[in-house]
Amino acid sequence: MIAREWKATCPKKHEEGFIGHLYETGVKESSETPGFLGAQIFQREVDESVEITLITYWETLECITAFAGENIDVAKLYPEDAHYELVPDHHVNHYHVVENTWQR
């Protein structure tokens, strides 16, 4: 399993709107791609902004290529992102998942 990590910041006033937008763009498009296994969204306040981290999980790097294109290290951004005054990372990180244990 591969984890794909992307981060961005936006003003606090856009937090809810941007997370909704993220579900309608990146999460939706990812989930419609074969090999997608799931996603998590994290947020934390940083000064006057909110940092949003999206982690998506994939079967293989080839599945990520189907979503992101040939250069999987470049973030996939959307034109409407500018509305949320987004400061996105343009690079994403990929990790081989060594352990995946969940407990409730």
PDB file of N, CA and C in Angstrom:
ATOM      1  N   MET A   1       0.855  -1.172   0.000  1.00  0.00           N
ATOM      2  CA  MET A   1       0.000   0.000   0.000  1.00  0.00           C
ATOM      3  C   MET A   1       0.898   1.232   0.000  1.00  0.00           C
ATOM      4  N   ILE A   2       0.475   2.248  -0.742  1.00  0.00           N
ATOM      5  CA  ILE A   2       1.192   3.515  -0.836  1.00  0.00           C
ATOM      6  C   ILE A   2       0.320   4.622  -0.247  1.00  0.00           C
ATOM      7  N   ALA A   3       0.928   5.472   0.581  1.00  0.00           N
ATOM      8  CA  ALA A   3       0.253   6.670   1.096  1.00  0.00           C
ATOM      9  C   ALA A   3       0.794   7.871   0.343  1.00  0.00           C
ATOM     10  N   ARG A   4      -0.105   8.755  -0.079  1.00  0.00           N
ATOM     11  CA  ARG A   4       0.244   9.977  -0.806  1.00  0.00           C
ATOM     12  C   ARG A   4      -0.139  11.155   0.083  1.00  0.00           C
ATOM     13  N   GLU A   5       0.826  12.002   0.420  1.00  0.00           N
ATOM     14  CA  GLU A   5       0.600  13.111   1.352  1.00  0.00           C
ATOM     15  C   GLU A   5       0.723  14.449   0.628  1.00  0.00           C
ATOM     16  N   TRP A   6      -0.283  15.299   0.825  1.00  0.00           N
ATOM     17  CA  TRP A   6      -0.293  16.656   0.264  1.00  0.00           C
ATOM     18  C   TRP A   6      -0.739  17.621   1.346  1.00  0.00           C
ATOM     19  N   LYS A   7      -0.152  18.822   1.349  1.00  0.00           N
ATOM     20  CA  LYS A   7      -0.496  19.831   2.349  1.00  0.00           C
ATOM     21  C   LYS A   7      -0.774  21.174   1.688  1.00  0.00           C
ATOM     22  N   ALA A   8      -1.577  21.979   2.379  1.00  0.00           N
ATOM     23  CA  ALA A   8      -1.855  23.350   1.955  1.00  0.00           C
ATOM     24  C   ALA A   8      -2.272  24.136   3.185  1.00  0.00           C
ATOM     25  N   THR A   9      -2.175  25.441   3.093  1.00  0.00           N
ATOM     26  CA  THR A   9      -2.726  26.301   4.138  1.00  0.00           C
ATOM     27  C   THR A   9      -3.725  27.251   3.506  1.00  0.00           C
ATOM     28  N   CYS A  10      -4.665  27.694   4.327  1.00  0.00           N
ATOM     29  CA  CYS A  10      -5.637  28.700   3.906  1.00  0.00           C
ATOM     30  C   CYS A  10      -6.034  29.505   5.128  1.00  0.00           C
ATOM     31  N   PRO A  11      -6.586  30.699   4.936  1.00  0.00           N
ATOM     32  CA  PRO A  11      -7.071  31.470   6.082  1.00  0.00           C
ATOM     33  C   PRO A  11      -8.165  30.695   6.822  1.00  0.00           C
ATOM     34  N   LYS A  12      -8.230  30.889   8.134  1.00  0.00           N
ATOM     35  CA  LYS A  12      -9.234  30.195   8.948  1.00  0.00           C
ATOM     36  C   LYS A  12     -10.647  30.407   8.425  1.00  0.00           C
ATOM     37  N   LYS A  13     -10.925  31.590   7.876  1.00  0.00           N
ATOM     38  CA  LYS A  13     -12.280  31.871   7.398  1.00  0.00           C
ATOM     39  C   LYS A  13     -12.695  30.953   6.249  1.00  0.00           C
ATOM     40  N   HIS A  14     -11.736  30.322   5.587  1.00  0.00           N
ATOM     41  CA  HIS A  14     -12.042  29.436   4.449  1.00  0.00           C
ATOM     42  C   HIS A  14     -11.943  27.948   4.785  1.00  0.00           C
ATOM     43  N   GLU A  15     -11.666  27.628   6.034  1.00  0.00           N
ATOM     44  CA  GLU A  15     -11.422  26.231   6.398  1.00  0.00           C
ATOM     45  C   GLU A  15     -12.561  25.306   5.990  1.00  0.00           C
ATOM     46  N   GLU A  16     -13.767  25.559   6.464  1.00  0.00           N
ATOM     47  CA  GLU A  16     -14.898  24.677   6.151  1.00  0.00           C
ATOM     48  C   GLU A  16     -15.180  24.627   4.656  1.00  0.00           C
ATOM     49  N   GLY A  17     -15.151  25.786   4.021  1.00  0.00           N
ATOM     50  CA  GLY A  17     -15.408  25.830   2.583  1.00  0.00           C
ATOM     51  C   GLY A  17     -14.369  25.062   1.797  1.00  0.00           C
ATOM     52  N   PHE A  18     -13.108  25.210   2.180  1.00  0.00           N
ATOM     53  CA  PHE A  18     -12.073  24.503   1.434  1.00  0.00           C
ATOM     54  C   PHE A  18     -12.152  23.001   1.658  1.00  0.00           C
ATOM     55  N   ILE A  19     -12.418  22.568   2.887  1.00  0.00           N
ATOM     56  CA  ILE A  19     -12.531  21.122   3.120  1.00  0.00           C
ATOM     57  C   ILE A  19     -13.685  20.542   2.299  1.00  0.00           C
ATOM     58  N   GLY A  20     -14.803  21.249   2.217  1.00  0.00           N
ATOM     59  CA  GLY A  20     -15.901  20.807   1.361  1.00  0.00           C
ATOM     60  C   GLY A  20     -15.479  20.741  -0.099  1.00  0.00           C
ATOM     61  N   HIS A  21     -14.749  21.759  -0.538  1.00  0.00           N
ATOM     62  CA  HIS A  21     -14.220  21.790  -1.909  1.00  0.00           C
ATOM     63  C   HIS A  21     -13.259  20.625  -2.149  1.00  0.00           C
ATOM     64  N   LEU A  22     -12.431  20.314  -1.161  1.00  0.00           N
ATOM     65  CA  LEU A  22     -11.476  19.210  -1.279  1.00  0.00           C
ATOM     66  C   LEU A  22     -12.203  17.883  -1.468  1.00  0.00           C
ATOM     67  N   TYR A  23     -13.310  17.693  -0.738  1.00  0.00           N
ATOM     68  CA  TYR A  23     -14.118  16.482  -0.924  1.00  0.00           C
ATOM     69  C   TYR A  23     -14.682  16.407  -2.343  1.00  0.00           C
ATOM     70  N   GLU A  24     -15.101  17.536  -2.885  1.00  0.00           N
ATOM     71  CA  GLU A  24     -15.732  17.564  -4.210  1.00  0.00           C
ATOM     72  C   GLU A  24     -14.733  17.486  -5.358  1.00  0.00           C
ATOM     73  N   THR A  25     -13.464  17.699  -5.084  1.00  0.00           N
ATOM     74  CA  THR A  25     -12.452  17.677  -6.150  1.00  0.00           C
ATOM     75  C   THR A  25     -11.497  16.504  -5.931  1.00  0.00           C
ATOM     76  N   GLY A  26     -10.451  16.716  -5.168  1.00  0.00           N
ATOM     77  CA  GLY A  26      -9.406  15.707  -5.001  1.00  0.00           C
ATOM     78  C   GLY A  26      -9.865  14.392  -4.421  1.00  0.00           C
ATOM     79  N   VAL A  27     -10.672  14.436  -3.363  1.00  0.00           N
ATOM     80  CA  VAL A  27     -11.127  13.187  -2.746  1.00  0.00           C
ATOM     81  C   VAL A  27     -12.083  12.449  -3.681  1.00  0.00           C
ATOM     82  N   LYS A  28     -12.992  13.182  -4.290  1.00  0.00           N
ATOM     83  CA  LYS A  28     -13.953  12.545  -5.206  1.00  0.00           C
ATOM     84  C   LYS A  28     -13.239  11.926  -6.405  1.00  0.00           C
ATOM     85  N   GLU A  29     -12.341  12.700  -7.026  1.00  0.00           N
ATOM     86  CA  GLU A  29     -11.638  12.191  -8.195  1.00  0.00           C
ATOM     87  C   GLU A  29     -10.744  11.011  -7.829  1.00  0.00           C
ATOM     88  N   SER A  30     -10.079  11.092  -6.678  1.00  0.00           N
ATOM     89  CA  SER A  30      -9.256   9.968  -6.217  1.00  0.00           C
ATOM     90  C   SER A  30     -10.104   8.722  -6.039  1.00  0.00           C
ATOM     91  N   SER A  31     -11.244   8.877  -5.358  1.00  0.00           N
ATOM     92  CA  SER A  31     -12.071   7.714  -5.032  1.00  0.00           C
ATOM     93  C   SER A  31     -12.675   7.052  -6.264  1.00  0.00           C
ATOM     94  N   GLU A  32     -12.723   7.769  -7.365  1.00  0.00           N
ATOM     95  CA  GLU A  32     -13.236   7.205  -8.616  1.00  0.00           C
ATOM     96  C   GLU A  32     -12.143   6.531  -9.438  1.00  0.00           C
ATOM     97  N   THR A  33     -10.905   6.547  -8.955  1.00  0.00           N
ATOM     98  CA  THR A  33      -9.769   5.972  -9.668  1.00  0.00           C
ATOM     99  C   THR A  33      -9.517   4.554  -9.168  1.00  0.00           C
ATOM    100  N   PRO A  34      -9.415   3.576 -10.086  1.00  0.00           N
ATOM    101  CA  PRO A  34      -9.116   2.210  -9.651  1.00  0.00           C
ATOM    102  C   PRO A  34      -7.818   2.163  -8.833  1.00  0.00           C
ATOM    103  N   GLY A  35      -7.855   1.404  -7.759  1.00  0.00           N
ATOM    104  CA  GLY A  35      -6.691   1.263  -6.897  1.00  0.00           C
ATOM    105  C   GLY A  35      -6.694   2.190  -5.700  1.00  0.00           C
ATOM    106  N   PHE A  36      -7.674   3.099  -5.646  1.00  0.00           N
ATOM    107  CA  PHE A  36      -7.820   3.981  -4.486  1.00  0.00           C
ATOM    108  C   PHE A  36      -8.346   3.163  -3.312  1.00  0.00           C
ATOM    109  N   LEU A  37      -7.730   3.336  -2.145  1.00  0.00           N
ATOM    110  CA  LEU A  37      -8.117   2.544  -0.972  1.00  0.00           C
ATOM    111  C   LEU A  37      -8.759   3.361   0.148  1.00  0.00           C
ATOM    112  N   GLY A  38      -8.581   4.679   0.131  1.00  0.00           N
ATOM    113  CA  GLY A  38      -9.166   5.501   1.180  1.00  0.00           C
ATOM    114  C   GLY A  38      -8.429   6.815   1.325  1.00  0.00           C
ATOM    115  N   ALA A  39      -8.961   7.667   2.212  1.00  0.00           N
ATOM    116  CA  ALA A  39      -8.366   8.985   2.420  1.00  0.00           C
ATOM    117  C   ALA A  39      -8.577   9.433   3.853  1.00  0.00           C
ATOM    118  N   GLN A  40      -7.702  10.306   4.294  1.00  0.00           N
ATOM    119  CA  GLN A  40      -7.845  10.979   5.583  1.00  0.00           C
ATOM    120  C   GLN A  40      -7.519  12.449   5.366  1.00  0.00           C
ATOM    121  N   ILE A  41      -8.236  13.317   6.068  1.00  0.00           N
ATOM    122  CA  ILE A  41      -7.953  14.749   6.029  1.00  0.00           C
ATOM    123  C   ILE A  41      -7.657  15.186   7.456  1.00  0.00           C
ATOM    124  N   PHE A  42      -6.534  15.851   7.627  1.00  0.00           N
ATOM    125  CA  PHE A  42      -6.139  16.394   8.922  1.00  0.00           C
ATOM    126  C   PHE A  42      -6.133  17.907   8.821  1.00  0.00           C
ATOM    127  N   GLN A  43      -6.429  18.584   9.939  1.00  0.00           N
ATOM    128  CA  GLN A  43      -6.309  20.044   9.959  1.00  0.00           C
ATOM    129  C   GLN A  43      -5.739  20.469  11.289  1.00  0.00           C
ATOM    130  N   ARG A  44      -4.990  21.572  11.254  1.00  0.00           N
ATOM    131  CA  ARG A  44      -4.486  22.172  12.481  1.00  0.00           C
ATOM    132  C   ARG A  44      -4.318  23.660  12.265  1.00  0.00           C
ATOM    133  N   GLU A  45      -4.519  24.404  13.328  1.00  0.00           N
ATOM    134  CA  GLU A  45      -4.354  25.850  13.250  1.00  0.00           C
ATOM    135  C   GLU A  45      -2.875  26.193  13.344  1.00  0.00           C
ATOM    136  N   VAL A  46      -2.443  27.086  12.478  1.00  0.00           N
ATOM    137  CA  VAL A  46      -1.074  27.579  12.459  1.00  0.00           C
ATOM    138  C   VAL A  46      -1.162  29.090  12.323  1.00  0.00           C
ATOM    139  N   ASP A  47      -0.939  29.792  13.427  1.00  0.00           N
ATOM    140  CA  ASP A  47      -1.063  31.252  13.472  1.00  0.00           C
ATOM    141  C   ASP A  47      -2.464  31.650  13.020  1.00  0.00           C
ATOM    142  N   GLU A  48      -2.569  32.445  11.964  1.00  0.00           N
ATOM    143  CA  GLU A  48      -3.873  32.920  11.467  1.00  0.00           C
ATOM    144  C   GLU A  48      -4.430  32.044  10.345  1.00  0.00           C
ATOM    145  N   SER A  49      -3.779  30.911  10.111  1.00  0.00           N
ATOM    146  CA  SER A  49      -4.169  30.028   9.018  1.00  0.00           C
ATOM    147  C   SER A  49      -4.534  28.644   9.543  1.00  0.00           C
ATOM    148  N   VAL A  50      -4.987  27.824   8.624  1.00  0.00           N
ATOM    149  CA  VAL A  50      -5.260  26.419   8.902  1.00  0.00           C
ATOM    150  C   VAL A  50      -4.431  25.602   7.922  1.00  0.00           C
ATOM    151  N   GLU A  51      -3.719  24.626   8.453  1.00  0.00           N
ATOM    152  CA  GLU A  51      -2.981  23.707   7.594  1.00  0.00           C
ATOM    153  C   GLU A  51      -3.854  22.479   7.375  1.00  0.00           C
ATOM    154  N   ILE A  52      -4.034  22.115   6.131  1.00  0.00           N
ATOM    155  CA  ILE A  52      -4.825  20.953   5.755  1.00  0.00           C
ATOM    156  C   ILE A  52      -3.867  19.922   5.164  1.00  0.00           C
ATOM    157  N   THR A  53      -3.960  18.703   5.639  1.00  0.00           N
ATOM    158  CA  THR A  53      -3.164  17.605   5.090  1.00  0.00           C
ATOM    159  C   THR A  53      -4.122  16.551   4.565  1.00  0.00           C
ATOM    160  N   LEU A  54      -3.921  16.152   3.331  1.00  0.00           N
ATOM    161  CA  LEU A  54      -4.708  15.079   2.714  1.00  0.00           C
ATOM    162  C   LEU A  54      -3.789  13.887   2.507  1.00  0.00           C
ATOM    163  N   ILE A  55      -4.172  12.761   3.086  1.00  0.00           N
ATOM    164  CA  ILE A  55      -3.457  11.507   2.859  1.00  0.00           C
ATOM    165  C   ILE A  55      -4.413  10.594   2.099  1.00  0.00           C
ATOM    166  N   THR A  56      -3.974  10.134   0.941  1.00  0.00           N
ATOM    167  CA  THR A  56      -4.762   9.144   0.204  1.00  0.00           C
ATOM    168  C   THR A  56      -3.961   7.849   0.175  1.00  0.00           C
ATOM    169  N   TYR A  57      -4.676   6.742   0.101  1.00  0.00           N
ATOM    170  CA  TYR A  57      -4.050   5.425   0.130  1.00  0.00           C
ATOM    171  C   TYR A  57      -4.353   4.701  -1.173  1.00  0.00           C
ATOM    172  N   TRP A  58      -3.325   4.039  -1.698  1.00  0.00           N
ATOM    173  CA  TRP A  58      -3.393   3.438  -3.031  1.00  0.00           C
ATOM    174  C   TRP A  58      -2.777   2.047  -3.024  1.00  0.00           C
ATOM    175  N   GLU A  59      -3.256   1.213  -3.940  1.00  0.00           N
ATOM    176  CA  GLU A  59      -2.696  -0.134  -4.073  1.00  0.00           C
ATOM    177  C   GLU A  59      -1.258  -0.092  -4.580  1.00  0.00           C
ATOM    178  N   THR A  60      -0.993   0.731  -5.628  1.00  0.00           N
ATOM    179  CA  THR A  60       0.337   0.772  -6.261  1.00  0.00           C
ATOM    180  C   THR A  60       0.642   2.185  -6.751  1.00  0.00           C
ATOM    181  N   LEU A  61       1.886   2.412  -7.093  1.00  0.00           N
ATOM    182  CA  LEU A  61       2.277   3.687  -7.707  1.00  0.00           C
ATOM    183  C   LEU A  61       1.608   3.864  -9.064  1.00  0.00           C
ATOM    184  N   GLU A  62       1.383   2.784  -9.773  1.00  0.00           N
ATOM    185  CA  GLU A  62       0.714   2.867 -11.076  1.00  0.00           C
ATOM    186  C   GLU A  62      -0.714   3.394 -10.932  1.00  0.00           C
ATOM    187  N   CYS A  63      -1.379   3.043  -9.857  1.00  0.00           N
ATOM    188  CA  CYS A  63      -2.728   3.561  -9.600  1.00  0.00           C
ATOM    189  C   CYS A  63      -2.677   5.069  -9.375  1.00  0.00           C
ATOM    190  N   ILE A  64      -1.648   5.538  -8.685  1.00  0.00           N
ATOM    191  CA  ILE A  64      -1.489   6.976  -8.471  1.00  0.00           C
ATOM    192  C   ILE A  64      -1.260   7.677  -9.803  1.00  0.00           C
ATOM    193  N   THR A  65      -0.488   7.069 -10.689  1.00  0.00           N
ATOM    194  CA  THR A  65      -0.246   7.646 -12.013  1.00  0.00           C
ATOM    195  C   THR A  65      -1.557   7.833 -12.768  1.00  0.00           C
ATOM    196  N   ALA A  66      -2.483   6.897 -12.629  1.00  0.00           N
ATOM    197  CA  ALA A  66      -3.787   7.015 -13.294  1.00  0.00           C
ATOM    198  C   ALA A  66      -4.543   8.234 -12.795  1.00  0.00           C
ATOM    199  N   PHE A  67      -4.341   8.605 -11.539  1.00  0.00           N
ATOM    200  CA  PHE A  67      -4.985   9.785 -10.962  1.00  0.00           C
ATOM    201  C   PHE A  67      -4.197  11.062 -11.257  1.00  0.00           C
ATOM    202  N   ALA A  68      -2.899  11.038 -11.010  1.00  0.00           N
ATOM    203  CA  ALA A  68      -2.086  12.258 -10.987  1.00  0.00           C
ATOM    204  C   ALA A  68      -1.357  12.562 -12.287  1.00  0.00           C
ATOM    205  N   GLY A  69      -1.219  11.578 -13.165  1.00  0.00           N
ATOM    206  CA  GLY A  69      -0.433  11.779 -14.379  1.00  0.00           C
ATOM    207  C   GLY A  69       0.972  11.228 -14.196  1.00  0.00           C
ATOM    208  N   GLU A  70       1.780  11.368 -15.231  1.00  0.00           N
ATOM    209  CA  GLU A  70       3.104  10.752 -15.259  1.00  0.00           C
ATOM    210  C   GLU A  70       4.017  11.202 -14.127  1.00  0.00           C
ATOM    211  N   ASN A  71       3.996  12.481 -13.769  1.00  0.00           N
ATOM    212  CA  ASN A  71       4.856  12.960 -12.687  1.00  0.00           C
ATOM    213  C   ASN A  71       4.046  12.972 -11.394  1.00  0.00           C
ATOM    214  N   ILE A  72       4.069  11.853 -10.697  1.00  0.00           N
ATOM    215  CA  ILE A  72       3.222  11.709  -9.511  1.00  0.00           C
ATOM    216  C   ILE A  72       3.700  12.554  -8.332  1.00  0.00           C
ATOM    217  N   ASP A  73       4.892  13.129  -8.432  1.00  0.00           N
ATOM    218  CA  ASP A  73       5.409  13.962  -7.343  1.00  0.00           C
ATOM    219  C   ASP A  73       4.877  15.389  -7.376  1.00  0.00           C
ATOM    220  N   VAL A  74       4.160  15.741  -8.433  1.00  0.00           N
ATOM    221  CA  VAL A  74       3.580  17.082  -8.569  1.00  0.00           C
ATOM    222  C   VAL A  74       2.131  17.037  -8.085  1.00  0.00           C
ATOM    223  N   ALA A  75       1.764  17.992  -7.253  1.00  0.00           N
ATOM    224  CA  ALA A  75       0.402  18.045  -6.713  1.00  0.00           C
ATOM    225  C   ALA A  75      -0.611  18.317  -7.813  1.00  0.00           C
ATOM    226  N   LYS A  76      -1.763  17.726  -7.668  1.00  0.00           N
ATOM    227  CA  LYS A  76      -2.871  17.979  -8.594  1.00  0.00           C
ATOM    228  C   LYS A  76      -3.736  19.075  -7.972  1.00  0.00           C
ATOM    229  N   LEU A  77      -3.750  20.233  -8.599  1.00  0.00           N
ATOM    230  CA  LEU A  77      -4.501  21.375  -8.087  1.00  0.00           C
ATOM    231  C   LEU A  77      -5.690  21.657  -8.995  1.00  0.00           C
ATOM    232  N   TYR A  78      -6.638  22.438  -8.487  1.00  0.00           N
ATOM    233  CA  TYR A  78      -7.866  22.737  -9.209  1.00  0.00           C
ATOM    234  C   TYR A  78      -8.039  24.247  -9.311  1.00  0.00           C
ATOM    235  N   PRO A  79      -8.606  24.741 -10.420  1.00  0.00           N
ATOM    236  CA  PRO A  79      -8.733  26.195 -10.618  1.00  0.00           C
ATOM    237  C   PRO A  79      -9.473  26.906  -9.484  1.00  0.00           C
ATOM    238  N   GLU A  80     -10.469  26.265  -8.897  1.00  0.00           N
ATOM    239  CA  GLU A  80     -11.268  26.893  -7.844  1.00  0.00           C
ATOM    240  C   GLU A  80     -10.507  27.037  -6.531  1.00  0.00           C
ATOM    241  N   ASP A  81      -9.339  26.410  -6.415  1.00  0.00           N
ATOM    242  CA  ASP A  81      -8.551  26.505  -5.186  1.00  0.00           C
ATOM    243  C   ASP A  81      -8.253  27.964  -4.827  1.00  0.00           C
ATOM    244  N   ALA A  82      -8.063  28.806  -5.830  1.00  0.00           N
ATOM    245  CA  ALA A  82      -7.710  30.211  -5.595  1.00  0.00           C
ATOM    246  C   ALA A  82      -8.784  30.941  -4.791  1.00  0.00           C
ATOM    247  N   HIS A  83     -10.034  30.540  -4.940  1.00  0.00           N
ATOM    248  CA  HIS A  83     -11.134  31.162  -4.200  1.00  0.00           C
ATOM    249  C   HIS A  83     -10.914  31.092  -2.685  1.00  0.00           C
ATOM    250  N   TYR A  84     -10.223  30.052  -2.230  1.00  0.00           N
ATOM    251  CA  TYR A  84     -10.013  29.818  -0.805  1.00  0.00           C
ATOM    252  C   TYR A  84      -8.681  30.394  -0.316  1.00  0.00           C
ATOM    253  N   GLU A  85      -8.040  31.226  -1.152  1.00  0.00           N
ATOM    254  CA  GLU A  85      -6.753  31.846  -0.815  1.00  0.00           C
ATOM    255  C   GLU A  85      -5.751  30.780  -0.374  1.00  0.00           C
ATOM    256  N   LEU A  86      -5.771  29.674  -1.081  1.00  0.00           N
ATOM    257  CA  LEU A  86      -4.958  28.512  -0.767  1.00  0.00           C
ATOM    258  C   LEU A  86      -3.481  28.784  -1.038  1.00  0.00           C
ATOM    259  N   VAL A  87      -2.650  28.308  -0.133  1.00  0.00           N
ATOM    260  CA  VAL A  87      -1.201  28.282  -0.348  1.00  0.00           C
ATOM    261  C   VAL A  87      -0.830  26.798  -0.359  1.00  0.00           C
ATOM    262  N   PRO A  88      -0.820  26.191  -1.546  1.00  0.00           N
ATOM    263  CA  PRO A  88      -0.635  24.744  -1.632  1.00  0.00           C
ATOM    264  C   PRO A  88       0.831  24.350  -1.751  1.00  0.00           C
ATOM    265  N   ASP A  89       1.145  23.175  -1.242  1.00  0.00           N
ATOM    266  CA  ASP A  89       2.410  22.550  -1.607  1.00  0.00           C
ATOM    267  C   ASP A  89       2.247  22.097  -3.055  1.00  0.00           C
ATOM    268  N   HIS A  90       3.265  22.300  -3.843  1.00  0.00           N
ATOM    269  CA  HIS A  90       3.217  21.859  -5.240  1.00  0.00           C
ATOM    270  C   HIS A  90       3.854  20.481  -5.410  1.00  0.00           C
ATOM    271  N   HIS A  91       4.382  19.974  -4.337  1.00  0.00           N
ATOM    272  CA  HIS A  91       5.027  18.670  -4.330  1.00  0.00           C
ATOM    273  C   HIS A  91       4.281  17.773  -3.347  1.00  0.00           C
ATOM    274  N   VAL A  92       4.155  16.508  -3.666  1.00  0.00           N
ATOM    275  CA  VAL A  92       3.548  15.541  -2.744  1.00  0.00           C
ATOM    276  C   VAL A  92       4.597  14.505  -2.351  1.00  0.00           C
ATOM    277  N   ASN A  93       4.368  13.853  -1.228  1.00  0.00           N
ATOM    278  CA  ASN A  93       5.258  12.784  -0.762  1.00  0.00           C
ATOM    279  C   ASN A  93       4.528  11.462  -0.840  1.00  0.00           C
ATOM    280  N   HIS A  94       5.284  10.421  -1.136  1.00  0.00           N
ATOM    281  CA  HIS A  94       4.734   9.067  -1.188  1.00  0.00           C
ATOM    282  C   HIS A  94       5.491   8.188  -0.203  1.00  0.00           C
ATOM    283  N   TYR A  95       4.738   7.313   0.474  1.00  0.00           N
ATOM    284  CA  TYR A  95       5.317   6.432   1.480  1.00  0.00           C
ATOM    285  C   TYR A  95       4.787   5.018   1.271  1.00  0.00           C
ATOM    286  N   HIS A  96       5.648   4.035   1.433  1.00  0.00           N
ATOM    287  CA  HIS A  96       5.184   2.656   1.501  1.00  0.00           C
ATOM    288  C   HIS A  96       4.653   2.453   2.919  1.00  0.00           C
ATOM    289  N   VAL A  97       3.436   1.997   3.035  1.00  0.00           N
ATOM    290  CA  VAL A  97       2.828   1.799   4.347  1.00  0.00           C
ATOM    291  C   VAL A  97       3.375   0.489   4.922  1.00  0.00           C
ATOM    292  N   VAL A  98       4.076   0.606   6.034  1.00  0.00           N
ATOM    293  CA  VAL A  98       4.688  -0.545   6.679  1.00  0.00           C
ATOM    294  C   VAL A  98       3.712  -1.201   7.649  1.00  0.00           C
ATOM    295  N   GLU A  99       2.936  -0.384   8.338  1.00  0.00           N
ATOM    296  CA  GLU A  99       1.977  -0.889   9.322  1.00  0.00           C
ATOM    297  C   GLU A  99       0.670  -0.129   9.155  1.00  0.00           C
ATOM    298  N   ASN A 100      -0.440  -0.831   9.228  1.00  0.00           N
ATOM    299  CA  ASN A 100      -1.747  -0.223   9.095  1.00  0.00           C
ATOM    300  C   ASN A 100      -2.704  -0.901  10.073  1.00  0.00           C
ATOM    301  N   THR A 101      -2.610  -0.508  11.333  1.00  0.00           N
ATOM    302  CA  THR A 101      -3.446  -1.101  12.375  1.00  0.00           C
ATOM    303  C   THR A 101      -4.356  -0.027  12.937  1.00  0.00           C
ATOM    304  N   TRP A 102      -5.641  -0.315  12.998  1.00  0.00           N
ATOM    305  CA  TRP A 102      -6.623   0.618  13.558  1.00  0.00           C
ATOM    306  C   TRP A 102      -7.309  -0.033  14.739  1.00  0.00           C
ATOM    307  N   GLN A 103      -7.462   0.720  15.793  1.00  0.00           N
ATOM    308  CA  GLN A 103      -8.191   0.240  16.955  1.00  0.00           C
ATOM    309  C   GLN A 103      -9.172   1.315  17.381  1.00  0.00           C
ATOM    310  N   ARG A 104     -10.283   0.892  17.900  1.00  0.00           N
ATOM    311  CA  ARG A 104     -11.281   1.846  18.417  1.00  0.00           C
ATOM    312  C   ARG A 104     -11.456   1.645  19.878  1.00  0.00           C
TER     313      ARG A 104
END
